[in-house]
Amino acid sequence: MRAVLALLSDNEFHSGEELGRALGVTRAAVWKRLKKLESIGVVVHSVKGRGYRLPSPLELLTEERLRENGLPDSVNLALPFETESTNIDAKDYIVQGNALPLLISVERQTQGKGRRGRQWASGVAKNITLSFVWRFENGPSVIEGLSLAAGVAVARVLKKLGIPNPGLKWPNDIQIDGQKICGILLEMIADQDVCHVVIGIGLNVEMDNAFMTHVDQPWTDLVSRLKTRPSRNYILAELTKELIEVCRLFEDGNGMKHFQHQWQAYDVLFNQPVNVSSVNQKRQGIARGIDQKGALLIEEDGELIALHGGEVSVRRI
């Protein structure tokens, strides 16, 4: 599917005969591939006498473009067209003992998961779905607060793209004007003193409304916020470079000292009344930022209480 999508990515008309020659298949085989694209949500316009085209230009992820945008040669790269979950693929990669760090990104993710088991919709070749893997030699204790630092990394990239006001909602949502644009999910594989961390990120670049009908919170994307369509290869390369810097700063076990104040500069809940709920409890108080370990500070009846991640949900009142 990648091959036919690449041929159509220029938004120009291509006849079935032309596509067949380029792919080395019959026109009937071309038609079947186009129907397959439509079955996974890709809109293909068909005009008799002119051929087929996409409704808008499309940029596929390629190693060449990523390296041109500064993705270091030291990062191992996997760019399958489709997978169930990049985080699952990343964990399989770790188990196999392959070289790290690793970046996995796909054009279509069929079973992506967000925090608390929610499904993450990503469409086809429109958004950024990635997993980045780093090996920490000093064990799991050094990564406390890493998901928050990853949020800072995303906010930095959004600023570079021209978004003036990215916000972070504890623990791992990135918003613009109260609308979610990105989510982060960390998973860990620990073996004695060594800890492998998978940082999963889903960033809305150009969302299709049809993919978002089940989403129960306000959302936005980059295309609706920027004057020009941003390059997905540029975004992915910049995100990876920021994540490399984050992971390096966390290796000595004092990572959050570099990011506590940076994170709070983007904090959309600071000094706001909030409801906090988990499986075992519900609280209400005033959000007062985060501590040096990345825990959310809630002032309740004059007392500061530190809340850690996991299955905690925080909502502004």
Protein backbone atom coordinates (compact mmCIF):
# COMPACT_ATOMS: atom_id res chain seq x y z
CA MET A 1 0.00 0.00 0.00
CA ARG A 2 2.92 2.32 0.66
CA ALA A 3 4.01 2.16 -2.99
CA VAL A 4 0.68 3.21 -4.49
CA LEU A 5 0.20 5.85 -1.80
CA ALA A 6 3.65 7.27 -2.62
CA LEU A 7 2.69 7.56 -6.31
CA LEU A 8 -0.51 9.41 -5.41
CA SER A 9 1.08 11.63 -2.76
CA ASP A 10 1.62 14.57 -5.15
CA ASN A 11 -2.15 15.28 -5.36
CA GLU A 12 -2.01 14.96 -9.18
CA PHE A 13 -4.11 12.68 -11.37
CA HIS A 14 -2.58 9.34 -12.33
CA SER A 15 -4.23 6.91 -14.73
CA GLY A 16 -4.67 3.27 -13.83
CA GLU A 17 -2.33 2.37 -16.70
CA GLU A 18 0.36 4.74 -15.41
CA LEU A 19 0.07 3.38 -11.87
CA GLY A 20 0.19 -0.17 -13.17
CA ARG A 21 3.40 0.49 -15.11
CA ALA A 22 5.05 2.10 -12.10
CA LEU A 23 4.04 -0.75 -9.79
CA GLY A 24 4.61 -3.53 -12.30
CA VAL A 25 1.04 -4.85 -11.97
CA THR A 26 -2.16 -4.96 -14.02
CA ARG A 27 -4.82 -2.24 -13.95
CA ALA A 28 -7.08 -4.70 -12.15
CA ALA A 29 -4.42 -5.12 -9.44
CA VAL A 30 -4.13 -1.33 -9.19
CA TRP A 31 -7.89 -1.07 -8.68
CA LYS A 32 -7.73 -3.65 -5.88
CA ARG A 33 -4.95 -1.71 -4.13
CA LEU A 34 -6.91 1.51 -4.39
CA LYS A 35 -9.95 -0.20 -2.89
CA LYS A 36 -7.74 -1.47 -0.07
CA LEU A 37 -6.61 2.11 0.63
CA GLU A 38 -10.22 3.25 0.72
CA SER A 39 -11.09 0.43 3.12
CA ILE A 40 -8.61 1.79 5.69
CA GLY A 41 -9.88 5.36 5.43
CA VAL A 42 -7.88 6.91 2.59
CA VAL A 43 -10.08 9.01 0.29
CA VAL A 44 -9.20 8.49 -3.39
CA HIS A 45 -10.90 10.62 -6.05
CA SER A 46 -11.64 8.84 -9.33
CA VAL A 47 -12.46 10.87 -12.47
CA LYS A 48 -13.22 9.10 -15.74
CA GLY A 49 -10.63 9.93 -18.39
CA ARG A 50 -8.24 11.50 -15.88
CA GLY A 51 -7.50 8.79 -13.34
CA TYR A 52 -7.02 8.78 -9.58
CA ARG A 53 -5.75 11.30 -7.07
CA LEU A 54 -5.78 12.14 -3.38
CA PRO A 55 -7.81 15.17 -2.23
CA SER A 56 -4.67 16.83 -0.84
CA PRO A 57 -0.89 16.30 -0.94
CA LEU A 58 0.51 13.71 1.42
CA GLU A 59 3.99 13.25 2.91
CA LEU A 60 5.17 9.74 3.74
CA LEU A 61 7.88 9.16 6.31
CA THR A 62 11.24 8.12 4.85
CA GLU A 63 14.66 7.46 6.33
CA GLU A 64 16.24 9.80 3.80
CA ARG A 65 14.08 12.75 4.78
CA LEU A 66 14.44 12.02 8.50
CA ARG A 67 18.25 11.93 8.27
CA GLU A 68 18.20 15.14 6.21
CA ASN A 69 16.26 16.75 9.06
CA GLY A 70 18.91 15.78 11.58
CA LEU A 71 17.88 12.36 12.90
CA PRO A 72 21.21 11.06 14.26
CA ASP A 73 22.79 8.02 12.60
CA SER A 74 23.12 6.54 16.10
CA VAL A 75 19.33 6.07 16.26
CA ASN A 76 18.13 2.78 14.80
CA LEU A 77 15.06 3.30 12.67
CA ALA A 78 12.02 1.20 11.76
CA LEU A 79 9.30 2.59 9.47
CA PRO A 80 6.74 -0.14 8.75
CA PHE A 81 3.66 1.04 6.87
CA GLU A 82 1.23 -0.51 9.33
CA THR A 83 1.30 -2.15 12.74
CA GLU A 84 -1.03 -2.81 15.64
CA SER A 85 1.02 -0.80 18.12
CA THR A 86 4.45 0.79 17.89
CA ASN A 87 4.87 0.29 21.66
CA ILE A 88 4.27 -3.44 21.28
CA ASP A 89 6.76 -3.58 18.40
CA ALA A 90 9.28 -1.66 20.50
CA LYS A 91 8.97 -4.08 23.41
CA ASP A 92 9.46 -7.02 21.04
CA TYR A 93 12.57 -5.30 19.70
CA ILE A 94 13.95 -4.95 23.24
CA VAL A 95 13.34 -8.62 24.04
CA GLN A 96 15.25 -9.61 20.91
CA GLY A 97 18.30 -7.74 22.23
CA ASN A 98 18.66 -5.40 19.25
CA ALA A 99 20.75 -2.22 19.29
CA LEU A 100 19.41 0.96 20.91
CA PRO A 101 18.28 3.71 20.86
CA LEU A 102 15.40 2.91 18.53
CA LEU A 103 12.73 4.96 16.78
CA ILE A 104 9.64 3.22 15.37
CA SER A 105 7.03 5.20 13.48
CA VAL A 106 4.23 4.08 11.19
CA GLU A 107 1.75 5.46 8.68
CA ARG A 108 -1.12 3.49 10.21
CA GLN A 109 -1.56 2.08 13.71
CA THR A 110 -4.56 -0.20 14.14
CA GLN A 111 -4.58 -0.89 17.89
CA GLY A 112 -2.83 2.10 19.41
CA LYS A 113 -3.45 2.67 23.10
CA GLY A 114 -3.38 5.82 25.16
CA ARG A 115 -3.36 6.22 28.91
CA ARG A 116 -5.85 4.14 30.96
CA GLY A 117 -6.35 1.75 28.02
CA ARG A 118 -8.03 4.27 25.72
CA GLN A 119 -7.70 3.76 21.97
CA TRP A 120 -5.52 6.26 20.11
CA ALA A 121 -6.85 7.03 16.61
CA SER A 122 -4.26 8.13 14.06
CA GLY A 123 -5.65 7.76 10.53
CA VAL A 124 -3.34 6.96 7.60
CA ALA A 125 -0.17 8.95 6.83
CA LYS A 126 -1.62 12.07 8.43
CA ASN A 127 -0.28 12.17 11.99
CA ILE A 128 2.74 11.21 14.09
CA THR A 129 2.68 7.86 15.86
CA LEU A 130 6.03 6.92 17.37
CA SER A 131 7.79 4.85 19.98
CA PHE A 132 11.28 5.77 21.13
CA VAL A 133 13.35 3.28 23.13
CA TRP A 134 16.22 4.13 25.48
CA ARG A 135 18.30 1.89 27.75
CA PHE A 136 19.02 3.21 31.26
CA GLU A 137 21.94 1.40 32.88
CA ASN A 138 21.14 2.58 36.42
CA GLY A 139 17.77 0.92 36.81
CA PRO A 140 14.14 2.09 36.96
CA SER A 141 14.61 4.56 39.82
CA VAL A 142 16.31 7.09 37.51
CA ILE A 143 13.29 7.57 35.25
CA GLU A 144 10.95 9.14 37.81
CA GLY A 145 9.19 12.02 36.07
CA LEU A 146 10.38 11.02 32.59
CA SER A 147 6.88 11.21 31.08
CA LEU A 148 6.59 14.83 32.19
CA ALA A 149 9.96 15.68 30.65
CA ALA A 150 8.78 14.04 27.42
CA GLY A 151 5.84 16.44 27.53
CA VAL A 152 8.27 19.35 27.72
CA ALA A 153 10.07 17.91 24.67
CA VAL A 154 6.81 17.90 22.71
CA ALA A 155 5.95 21.44 23.82
CA ARG A 156 9.36 22.64 22.62
CA VAL A 157 8.78 21.16 19.18
CA LEU A 158 5.32 22.74 18.98
CA LYS A 159 6.91 26.11 19.76
CA LYS A 160 9.44 25.55 16.95
CA LEU A 161 6.56 24.87 14.57
CA GLY A 162 4.94 28.18 15.44
CA ILE A 163 2.42 27.21 18.12
CA PRO A 164 2.69 30.11 20.61
CA ASN A 165 0.85 28.60 23.58
CA PRO A 166 1.27 24.83 24.04
CA GLY A 167 0.12 23.66 27.45
CA LEU A 168 0.82 20.59 29.58
CA LYS A 169 -1.91 18.91 31.61
CA TRP A 170 -0.59 16.56 34.27
CA PRO A 171 0.51 13.92 33.82
CA ASN A 172 0.93 13.53 30.07
CA ASP A 173 -1.50 15.48 27.87
CA ILE A 174 -0.34 18.27 25.58
CA GLN A 175 -2.98 20.87 24.76
CA ILE A 176 -3.55 24.04 22.78
CA ASP A 177 -6.20 26.36 24.24
CA GLY A 178 -7.63 23.50 26.28
CA GLN A 179 -7.85 21.12 23.32
CA LYS A 180 -5.73 17.97 23.30
CA ILE A 181 -3.19 17.66 20.50
CA CYS A 182 -0.84 15.00 21.84
CA GLY A 183 -0.65 12.16 24.33
CA ILE A 184 2.27 10.26 25.83
CA LEU A 185 2.40 6.70 27.15
CA LEU A 186 5.52 5.31 28.84
CA GLU A 187 6.14 1.60 29.28
CA MET A 188 9.09 0.00 31.01
CA ILE A 189 10.95 -3.31 30.83
CA ALA A 190 13.29 -3.71 33.80
CA ASP A 191 15.91 -6.45 34.19
CA GLN A 192 17.89 -6.22 37.44
CA ASP A 193 19.90 -2.99 37.20
CA VAL A 194 19.00 -2.23 33.57
CA CYS A 195 15.80 -0.48 32.54
CA HIS A 196 14.45 -0.14 29.01
CA VAL A 197 11.86 2.59 28.51
CA VAL A 198 9.45 2.91 25.60
CA ILE A 199 8.18 6.46 25.11
CA GLY A 200 5.03 6.31 22.98
CA ILE A 201 3.79 9.57 21.47
CA GLY A 202 0.72 10.30 19.36
CA LEU A 203 0.62 13.81 17.87
CA ASN A 204 -2.32 15.15 15.85
CA VAL A 205 -0.97 16.69 12.65
CA GLU A 206 -4.07 16.39 10.45
CA MET A 207 -6.96 14.52 11.99
CA ASP A 208 -9.97 13.29 10.04
CA ASN A 209 -13.25 13.97 11.82
CA ALA A 210 -14.38 10.42 11.05
CA PHE A 211 -11.55 9.03 13.17
CA MET A 212 -12.43 11.26 16.11
CA THR A 213 -16.14 10.59 16.55
CA HIS A 214 -15.57 8.44 19.65
CA VAL A 215 -13.25 10.93 21.37
CA ASP A 216 -14.88 12.30 24.53
CA GLN A 217 -12.74 15.42 25.00
CA PRO A 218 -11.93 18.56 22.97
CA TRP A 219 -9.12 17.99 20.44
CA THR A 220 -7.19 19.90 17.80
CA ASP A 221 -4.43 19.37 15.25
CA LEU A 222 -1.49 21.25 13.75
CA VAL A 223 -3.00 21.79 10.29
CA SER A 224 -5.91 23.73 11.78
CA ARG A 225 -3.52 25.81 13.88
CA LEU A 226 -0.78 26.69 11.38
CA LYS A 227 -0.80 28.69 8.15
CA THR A 228 1.11 26.02 6.23
CA ARG A 229 1.08 22.24 6.44
CA PRO A 230 4.08 21.14 8.57
CA SER A 231 6.45 18.39 7.42
CA ARG A 232 5.88 15.13 9.26
CA ASN A 233 9.50 14.13 8.65
CA TYR A 234 10.70 17.38 10.23
CA ILE A 235 8.39 16.96 13.23
CA LEU A 236 9.45 13.36 13.80
CA ALA A 237 13.15 14.19 13.56
CA GLU A 238 12.79 17.12 15.96
CA LEU A 239 10.80 15.08 18.48
CA THR A 240 13.44 12.36 18.44
CA LYS A 241 16.29 14.80 18.96
CA GLU A 242 14.47 16.32 21.93
CA LEU A 243 13.80 12.86 23.42
CA ILE A 244 17.48 11.94 23.12
CA GLU A 245 18.41 15.03 25.12
CA VAL A 246 15.74 14.25 27.73
CA CYS A 247 16.93 10.67 28.20
CA ARG A 248 20.56 11.72 28.50
CA LEU A 249 19.66 14.15 31.28
CA PHE A 250 17.79 11.41 33.16
CA GLU A 251 20.63 8.90 33.15
CA ASP A 252 22.19 10.16 36.40
CA GLY A 253 18.94 9.92 38.37
CA ASN A 254 18.34 13.67 38.67
CA GLY A 255 16.43 14.27 35.48
CA MET A 256 13.47 16.18 36.89
CA LYS A 257 15.71 18.87 38.34
CA HIS A 258 16.27 19.97 34.73
CA PHE A 259 12.58 19.95 33.85
CA GLN A 260 10.52 20.85 36.94
CA HIS A 261 10.45 24.60 36.27
CA GLN A 262 10.24 24.13 32.49
CA TRP A 263 7.22 21.88 32.90
CA GLN A 264 5.51 24.33 35.24
CA ALA A 265 5.94 27.10 32.66
CA TYR A 266 3.50 25.15 30.45
CA ASP A 267 1.22 23.93 33.29
CA VAL A 268 -2.43 24.57 32.36
CA LEU A 269 -3.73 23.52 35.79
CA PHE A 270 -1.52 25.74 37.96
CA ASN A 271 -3.56 27.52 40.66
CA GLN A 272 -6.78 26.06 39.23
CA PRO A 273 -9.42 24.20 41.27
CA VAL A 274 -9.42 20.54 40.25
CA ASN A 275 -11.14 17.24 40.89
CA VAL A 276 -8.80 14.26 41.28
CA SER A 277 -10.10 10.73 41.04
CA SER A 278 -8.64 7.25 41.11
CA VAL A 279 -9.94 3.75 41.70
CA ASN A 280 -9.69 4.22 45.47
CA GLN A 281 -10.32 7.89 46.15
CA LYS A 282 -11.64 11.26 45.03
CA ARG A 283 -10.17 14.61 46.03
CA GLN A 284 -10.81 18.27 45.38
CA GLY A 285 -8.31 21.07 45.77
CA ILE A 286 -6.10 23.66 44.08
CA ALA A 287 -3.34 22.50 41.71
CA ARG A 288 0.04 23.90 42.82
CA GLY A 289 2.41 22.57 40.18
CA ILE A 290 4.71 19.56 40.54
CA ASP A 291 7.48 18.54 42.93
CA GLN A 292 11.03 17.44 42.08
CA LYS A 293 9.84 13.90 41.39
CA GLY A 294 7.09 14.97 38.99
CA ALA A 295 4.21 14.38 41.41
CA LEU A 296 1.21 16.72 41.14
CA LEU A 297 0.84 18.99 44.15
CA ILE A 298 -2.73 19.57 45.33
CA GLU A 299 -3.60 21.99 48.12
CA GLU A 300 -6.47 20.50 50.08
CA ASP A 301 -7.71 22.24 53.23
CA GLY A 302 -4.43 24.13 53.53
CA GLU A 303 -2.29 20.99 53.17
CA LEU A 304 -0.09 20.11 50.17
CA ILE A 305 -0.60 16.56 48.95
CA ALA A 306 1.65 14.92 46.33
CA LEU A 307 -0.12 12.71 43.81
CA HIS A 308 1.79 10.34 41.54
CA GLY A 309 0.80 9.06 38.07
CA GLY A 310 -0.75 5.72 37.27
CA GLU A 311 -4.54 5.62 37.18
CA VAL A 312 -5.11 9.15 38.52
CA SER A 313 -7.43 11.42 36.54
CA VAL A 314 -7.37 15.20 37.01
CA ARG A 315 -10.10 17.53 35.76
CA ARG A 316 -10.39 21.29 36.10
CA ILE A 317 -13.54 22.29 37.96
